[in-house]
Amino acid sequence: MFSCFPQSALTDVEMQMRGYLGAVRDAELGDLQAAIQRFVRGEVKAGNAQFCPSSAQLCIEVRERRVMRELIARRAASQVLGSSPPHSGGEVARRSRDGEGDTLRDVIAG
């Protein structure tokens, strides 16, 4: 990440690294990599995209990546178990797409 963002002449890189390592000590590697990629790509709205994020900004983004990963895993697990709530118009949309069931015109006409 340091190679992608300019450093101030006053920046103590070693202290900054210690801050980052302390902030992400308990993070999953995948979440950390995803957060760094989002910063490098400019996808994170917080802070100045011209400079390295603070350790706090990185930690916040890592937590957001963890939450997203957990939500996706939870959704996938609920779909496998068949306990997910029906998606908005899921069955109706599928039946309509596949040519099954009544069309809206037929339902209105009675």
N, C-alpha and C. Protein backbone atom coordinates (compact mmCIF):
# COMPACT_ATOMS: atom_id res chain seq x y z
N MET A 1 0.83 -1.17 0.00
CA MET A 1 0.00 0.00 0.00
C MET A 1 0.88 1.25 0.00
N PHE A 2 2.01 1.18 0.69
CA PHE A 2 2.90 2.34 0.74
C PHE A 2 3.43 2.70 -0.64
N SER A 3 3.62 1.70 -1.50
CA SER A 3 4.15 2.00 -2.83
C SER A 3 3.12 2.68 -3.73
N CYS A 4 1.85 2.63 -3.35
CA CYS A 4 0.80 3.22 -4.18
C CYS A 4 0.45 4.65 -3.77
N PHE A 5 0.85 5.06 -2.58
CA PHE A 5 0.51 6.38 -2.08
C PHE A 5 1.79 7.12 -1.69
N PRO A 6 1.87 8.42 -1.98
CA PRO A 6 3.06 9.18 -1.59
C PRO A 6 3.13 9.33 -0.07
N GLN A 7 4.35 9.44 0.44
CA GLN A 7 4.56 9.63 1.87
C GLN A 7 5.05 11.05 2.12
N SER A 8 4.62 11.61 3.21
CA SER A 8 5.12 12.92 3.62
C SER A 8 6.56 12.76 4.08
N ALA A 9 7.35 13.79 3.91
CA ALA A 9 8.74 13.75 4.37
C ALA A 9 8.81 13.59 5.88
N LEU A 10 7.75 13.98 6.58
CA LEU A 10 7.73 13.90 8.04
C LEU A 10 7.20 12.57 8.56
N THR A 11 6.76 11.70 7.67
CA THR A 11 6.16 10.43 8.08
C THR A 11 7.22 9.48 8.62
N ASP A 12 6.96 8.96 9.79
CA ASP A 12 7.82 7.91 10.36
C ASP A 12 7.20 6.58 9.92
N VAL A 13 7.76 6.00 8.87
CA VAL A 13 7.19 4.79 8.27
C VAL A 13 7.14 3.64 9.26
N GLU A 14 8.16 3.50 10.09
CA GLU A 14 8.18 2.41 11.07
C GLU A 14 7.04 2.56 12.07
N MET A 15 6.80 3.75 12.55
CA MET A 15 5.69 3.97 13.49
C MET A 15 4.34 3.75 12.79
N GLN A 16 4.26 4.17 11.54
CA GLN A 16 3.02 3.97 10.79
C GLN A 16 2.76 2.47 10.60
N MET A 17 3.80 1.71 10.30
CA MET A 17 3.65 0.26 10.16
C MET A 17 3.20 -0.38 11.47
N ARG A 18 3.76 0.05 12.58
CA ARG A 18 3.34 -0.48 13.88
C ARG A 18 1.86 -0.19 14.13
N GLY A 19 1.43 1.01 13.75
CA GLY A 19 0.02 1.37 13.90
C GLY A 19 -0.88 0.48 13.07
N TYR A 20 -0.49 0.24 11.83
CA TYR A 20 -1.27 -0.64 10.95
C TYR A 20 -1.32 -2.06 11.51
N LEU A 21 -0.17 -2.57 11.90
CA LEU A 21 -0.12 -3.95 12.40
C LEU A 21 -0.94 -4.12 13.68
N GLY A 22 -0.89 -3.13 14.55
CA GLY A 22 -1.70 -3.18 15.76
C GLY A 22 -3.18 -3.12 15.46
N ALA A 23 -3.55 -2.31 14.47
CA ALA A 23 -4.96 -2.13 14.13
C ALA A 23 -5.56 -3.36 13.47
N VAL A 24 -4.78 -4.10 12.71
CA VAL A 24 -5.33 -5.24 11.97
C VAL A 24 -4.84 -6.59 12.50
N ARG A 25 -4.31 -6.59 13.70
CA ARG A 25 -3.72 -7.79 14.29
C ARG A 25 -4.67 -8.99 14.26
N ASP A 26 -5.95 -8.78 14.53
CA ASP A 26 -6.91 -9.89 14.61
C ASP A 26 -7.71 -10.09 13.33
N ALA A 27 -7.37 -9.38 12.27
CA ALA A 27 -8.13 -9.45 11.02
C ALA A 27 -7.79 -10.69 10.22
N GLU A 28 -8.77 -11.15 9.46
CA GLU A 28 -8.53 -12.24 8.50
C GLU A 28 -7.73 -11.67 7.33
N LEU A 29 -6.83 -12.45 6.79
CA LEU A 29 -5.98 -12.00 5.69
C LEU A 29 -6.82 -11.56 4.49
N GLY A 30 -7.85 -12.31 4.15
CA GLY A 30 -8.70 -11.97 3.01
C GLY A 30 -9.39 -10.63 3.19
N ASP A 31 -9.84 -10.34 4.41
CA ASP A 31 -10.50 -9.06 4.69
C ASP A 31 -9.49 -7.92 4.56
N LEU A 32 -8.28 -8.14 5.05
CA LEU A 32 -7.23 -7.12 4.96
C LEU A 32 -6.86 -6.86 3.50
N GLN A 33 -6.70 -7.92 2.72
CA GLN A 33 -6.36 -7.75 1.31
C GLN A 33 -7.48 -7.01 0.56
N ALA A 34 -8.72 -7.36 0.85
CA ALA A 34 -9.85 -6.69 0.19
C ALA A 34 -9.89 -5.21 0.56
N ALA A 35 -9.63 -4.89 1.82
CA ALA A 35 -9.64 -3.49 2.26
C ALA A 35 -8.53 -2.70 1.57
N ILE A 36 -7.34 -3.28 1.50
CA ILE A 36 -6.22 -2.60 0.85
C ILE A 36 -6.52 -2.38 -0.62
N GLN A 37 -7.08 -3.38 -1.29
CA GLN A 37 -7.43 -3.23 -2.70
C GLN A 37 -8.43 -2.11 -2.90
N ARG A 38 -9.40 -2.00 -1.99
CA ARG A 38 -10.40 -0.93 -2.12
C ARG A 38 -9.75 0.44 -1.96
N PHE A 39 -8.78 0.58 -1.05
CA PHE A 39 -8.07 1.85 -0.90
C PHE A 39 -7.26 2.16 -2.16
N VAL A 40 -6.53 1.18 -2.66
CA VAL A 40 -5.67 1.39 -3.83
C VAL A 40 -6.50 1.76 -5.05
N ARG A 41 -7.67 1.16 -5.19
CA ARG A 41 -8.56 1.45 -6.32
C ARG A 41 -9.35 2.74 -6.15
N GLY A 42 -9.27 3.35 -4.98
CA GLY A 42 -10.01 4.58 -4.73
C GLY A 42 -11.48 4.35 -4.45
N GLU A 43 -11.85 3.16 -4.02
CA GLU A 43 -13.25 2.81 -3.78
C GLU A 43 -13.73 3.20 -2.39
N VAL A 44 -12.82 3.57 -1.51
CA VAL A 44 -13.18 3.95 -0.15
C VAL A 44 -13.41 5.45 -0.12
N LYS A 45 -14.56 5.86 0.38
CA LYS A 45 -14.92 7.28 0.34
C LYS A 45 -14.26 8.09 1.45
N ALA A 46 -13.88 7.47 2.54
CA ALA A 46 -13.32 8.20 3.69
C ALA A 46 -11.89 8.63 3.41
N GLY A 47 -11.54 9.80 3.87
CA GLY A 47 -10.16 10.27 3.80
C GLY A 47 -9.77 10.83 2.45
N ASN A 48 -8.51 11.19 2.35
CA ASN A 48 -7.94 11.76 1.15
C ASN A 48 -7.34 10.63 0.33
N ALA A 49 -7.84 10.44 -0.88
CA ALA A 49 -7.39 9.33 -1.72
C ALA A 49 -5.97 9.53 -2.26
N GLN A 50 -5.36 10.67 -1.98
CA GLN A 50 -4.00 10.92 -2.46
C GLN A 50 -2.94 10.42 -1.50
N PHE A 51 -3.32 10.09 -0.26
CA PHE A 51 -2.34 9.67 0.74
C PHE A 51 -2.78 8.37 1.39
N CYS A 52 -1.83 7.70 2.03
CA CYS A 52 -2.13 6.46 2.75
C CYS A 52 -3.22 6.71 3.79
N PRO A 53 -4.11 5.75 3.94
CA PRO A 53 -5.12 5.90 4.99
C PRO A 53 -4.47 5.75 6.36
N SER A 54 -5.13 6.29 7.36
CA SER A 54 -4.64 6.10 8.72
C SER A 54 -4.90 4.66 9.14
N SER A 55 -4.28 4.24 10.23
CA SER A 55 -4.51 2.88 10.72
C SER A 55 -5.98 2.71 11.10
N ALA A 56 -6.59 3.78 11.62
CA ALA A 56 -8.01 3.71 11.98
C ALA A 56 -8.88 3.54 10.74
N GLN A 57 -8.57 4.27 9.67
CA GLN A 57 -9.34 4.14 8.43
C GLN A 57 -9.21 2.73 7.86
N LEU A 58 -7.99 2.19 7.89
CA LEU A 58 -7.78 0.83 7.40
C LEU A 58 -8.56 -0.16 8.25
N CYS A 59 -8.53 0.00 9.55
CA CYS A 59 -9.23 -0.90 10.46
C CYS A 59 -10.74 -0.86 10.21
N ILE A 60 -11.28 0.33 9.99
CA ILE A 60 -12.71 0.46 9.70
C ILE A 60 -13.07 -0.28 8.42
N GLU A 61 -12.26 -0.11 7.39
CA GLU A 61 -12.53 -0.78 6.12
C GLU A 61 -12.38 -2.29 6.25
N VAL A 62 -11.41 -2.75 7.03
CA VAL A 62 -11.25 -4.19 7.26
C VAL A 62 -12.50 -4.74 7.95
N ARG A 63 -13.01 -4.02 8.94
CA ARG A 63 -14.24 -4.46 9.62
C ARG A 63 -15.42 -4.51 8.65
N GLU A 64 -15.52 -3.54 7.77
CA GLU A 64 -16.60 -3.54 6.78
C GLU A 64 -16.48 -4.73 5.84
N ARG A 65 -15.27 -5.06 5.45
CA ARG A 65 -15.07 -6.24 4.59
C ARG A 65 -15.47 -7.51 5.33
N ARG A 66 -15.14 -7.59 6.64
CA ARG A 66 -15.52 -8.76 7.44
C ARG A 66 -17.04 -8.88 7.53
N VAL A 67 -17.71 -7.77 7.78
CA VAL A 67 -19.17 -7.79 7.87
C VAL A 67 -19.78 -8.24 6.55
N MET A 68 -19.26 -7.72 5.44
CA MET A 68 -19.78 -8.13 4.12
C MET A 68 -19.54 -9.62 3.88
N ARG A 69 -18.36 -10.10 4.23
CA ARG A 69 -18.05 -11.53 4.05
C ARG A 69 -19.00 -12.39 4.87
N GLU A 70 -19.24 -11.97 6.12
CA GLU A 70 -20.13 -12.74 7.00
C GLU A 70 -21.57 -12.71 6.50
N LEU A 71 -22.02 -11.57 6.00
CA LEU A 71 -23.38 -11.49 5.46
C LEU A 71 -23.55 -12.39 4.24
N ILE A 72 -22.56 -12.38 3.37
CA ILE A 72 -22.61 -13.23 2.18
C ILE A 72 -22.63 -14.71 2.58
N ALA A 73 -21.79 -15.07 3.55
CA ALA A 73 -21.75 -16.45 4.02
C ALA A 73 -23.07 -16.86 4.66
N ARG A 74 -23.65 -15.95 5.44
CA ARG A 74 -24.93 -16.24 6.10
C ARG A 74 -26.03 -16.42 5.06
N ARG A 75 -26.04 -15.56 4.05
CA ARG A 75 -27.05 -15.67 3.00
C ARG A 75 -26.89 -16.98 2.23
N ALA A 76 -25.66 -17.33 1.91
CA ALA A 76 -25.41 -18.58 1.18
C ALA A 76 -25.85 -19.78 2.02
N ALA A 77 -25.56 -19.75 3.31
CA ALA A 77 -25.95 -20.86 4.19
C ALA A 77 -27.47 -20.96 4.28
N SER A 78 -28.15 -19.84 4.36
CA SER A 78 -29.61 -19.90 4.48
C SER A 78 -30.24 -20.38 3.18
N GLN A 79 -29.63 -20.08 2.04
CA GLN A 79 -30.16 -20.56 0.77
C GLN A 79 -29.94 -22.06 0.62
N VAL A 80 -28.82 -22.55 1.12
CA VAL A 80 -28.54 -23.98 1.07
C VAL A 80 -29.54 -24.74 1.94
N LEU A 81 -29.87 -24.18 3.08
CA LEU A 81 -30.81 -24.83 3.99
C LEU A 81 -32.26 -24.63 3.56
N GLY A 82 -32.48 -23.77 2.58
CA GLY A 82 -33.83 -23.53 2.10
C GLY A 82 -34.66 -22.68 3.02
N SER A 83 -34.03 -22.01 3.96
CA SER A 83 -34.78 -21.21 4.92
C SER A 83 -34.75 -19.73 4.60
N SER A 84 -34.25 -19.39 3.42
CA SER A 84 -34.21 -17.96 3.09
C SER A 84 -35.60 -17.48 2.73
N PRO A 85 -35.90 -16.25 3.09
CA PRO A 85 -37.20 -15.71 2.73
C PRO A 85 -37.27 -15.55 1.22
N PRO A 86 -38.46 -15.62 0.65
CA PRO A 86 -38.56 -15.49 -0.80
C PRO A 86 -38.08 -14.11 -1.24
N HIS A 87 -37.36 -14.10 -2.32
CA HIS A 87 -36.88 -12.83 -2.87
C HIS A 87 -38.06 -12.13 -3.52
N SER A 88 -37.97 -10.84 -3.57
CA SER A 88 -39.04 -10.03 -4.13
C SER A 88 -39.36 -10.48 -5.55
N GLY A 89 -40.52 -11.10 -5.71
CA GLY A 89 -40.97 -11.52 -7.04
C GLY A 89 -40.20 -12.68 -7.60
N GLY A 90 -39.42 -13.39 -6.78
CA GLY A 90 -38.57 -14.46 -7.28
C GLY A 90 -39.31 -15.53 -8.03
N GLU A 91 -40.28 -16.19 -7.40
CA GLU A 91 -41.02 -17.28 -8.04
C GLU A 91 -41.90 -16.74 -9.16
N VAL A 92 -42.55 -15.62 -8.90
CA VAL A 92 -43.42 -15.04 -9.93
C VAL A 92 -42.60 -14.64 -11.14
N ALA A 93 -41.45 -14.01 -10.90
CA ALA A 93 -40.60 -13.59 -12.01
C ALA A 93 -40.09 -14.80 -12.79
N ARG A 94 -39.72 -15.88 -12.08
CA ARG A 94 -39.23 -17.08 -12.75
C ARG A 94 -40.33 -17.70 -13.60
N ARG A 95 -41.52 -17.80 -13.03
CA ARG A 95 -42.63 -18.41 -13.78
C ARG A 95 -42.99 -17.57 -15.00
N SER A 96 -42.95 -16.26 -14.84
CA SER A 96 -43.25 -15.38 -15.96
C SER A 96 -42.19 -15.51 -17.04
N ARG A 97 -40.94 -15.55 -16.61
CA ARG A 97 -39.83 -15.67 -17.55
C ARG A 97 -39.90 -16.98 -18.32
N ASP A 98 -40.29 -18.06 -17.61
CA ASP A 98 -40.33 -19.38 -18.22
C ASP A 98 -41.64 -19.66 -18.95
N GLY A 99 -42.56 -18.68 -18.95
CA GLY A 99 -43.82 -18.85 -19.66
C GLY A 99 -44.84 -19.66 -18.89
N GLU A 100 -44.64 -19.82 -17.60
CA GLU A 100 -45.58 -20.57 -16.77
C GLU A 100 -46.54 -19.61 -16.09
N GLY A 101 -47.65 -20.10 -15.67
CA GLY A 101 -48.58 -19.29 -14.88
C GLY A 101 -49.32 -18.27 -15.72
N ASP A 102 -50.16 -17.52 -15.04
CA ASP A 102 -51.00 -16.53 -15.71
C ASP A 102 -50.21 -15.26 -15.96
N THR A 103 -50.55 -14.62 -17.06
CA THR A 103 -49.98 -13.31 -17.31
C THR A 103 -50.81 -12.28 -16.55
N LEU A 104 -50.29 -11.12 -16.35
CA LEU A 104 -50.99 -10.07 -15.65
C LEU A 104 -52.31 -9.75 -16.34
N ARG A 105 -52.29 -9.74 -17.67
CA ARG A 105 -53.51 -9.47 -18.43
C ARG A 105 -54.60 -10.51 -18.14
N ASP A 106 -54.19 -11.79 -18.06
CA ASP A 106 -55.15 -12.86 -17.78
C ASP A 106 -55.74 -12.73 -16.38
N VAL A 107 -54.90 -12.34 -15.41
CA VAL A 107 -55.36 -12.19 -14.03
C VAL A 107 -56.35 -11.05 -13.94
N ILE A 108 -56.07 -9.93 -14.57
CA ILE A 108 -56.95 -8.76 -14.53
C ILE A 108 -58.27 -9.05 -15.23
N ALA A 109 -58.21 -9.74 -16.34
CA ALA A 109 -59.42 -10.06 -17.11
C ALA A 109 -60.31 -11.03 -16.35
N GLY A 110 -59.73 -11.77 -15.42
CA GLY A 110 -60.54 -12.66 -14.58
C GLY A 110 -60.57 -13.98 -15.19
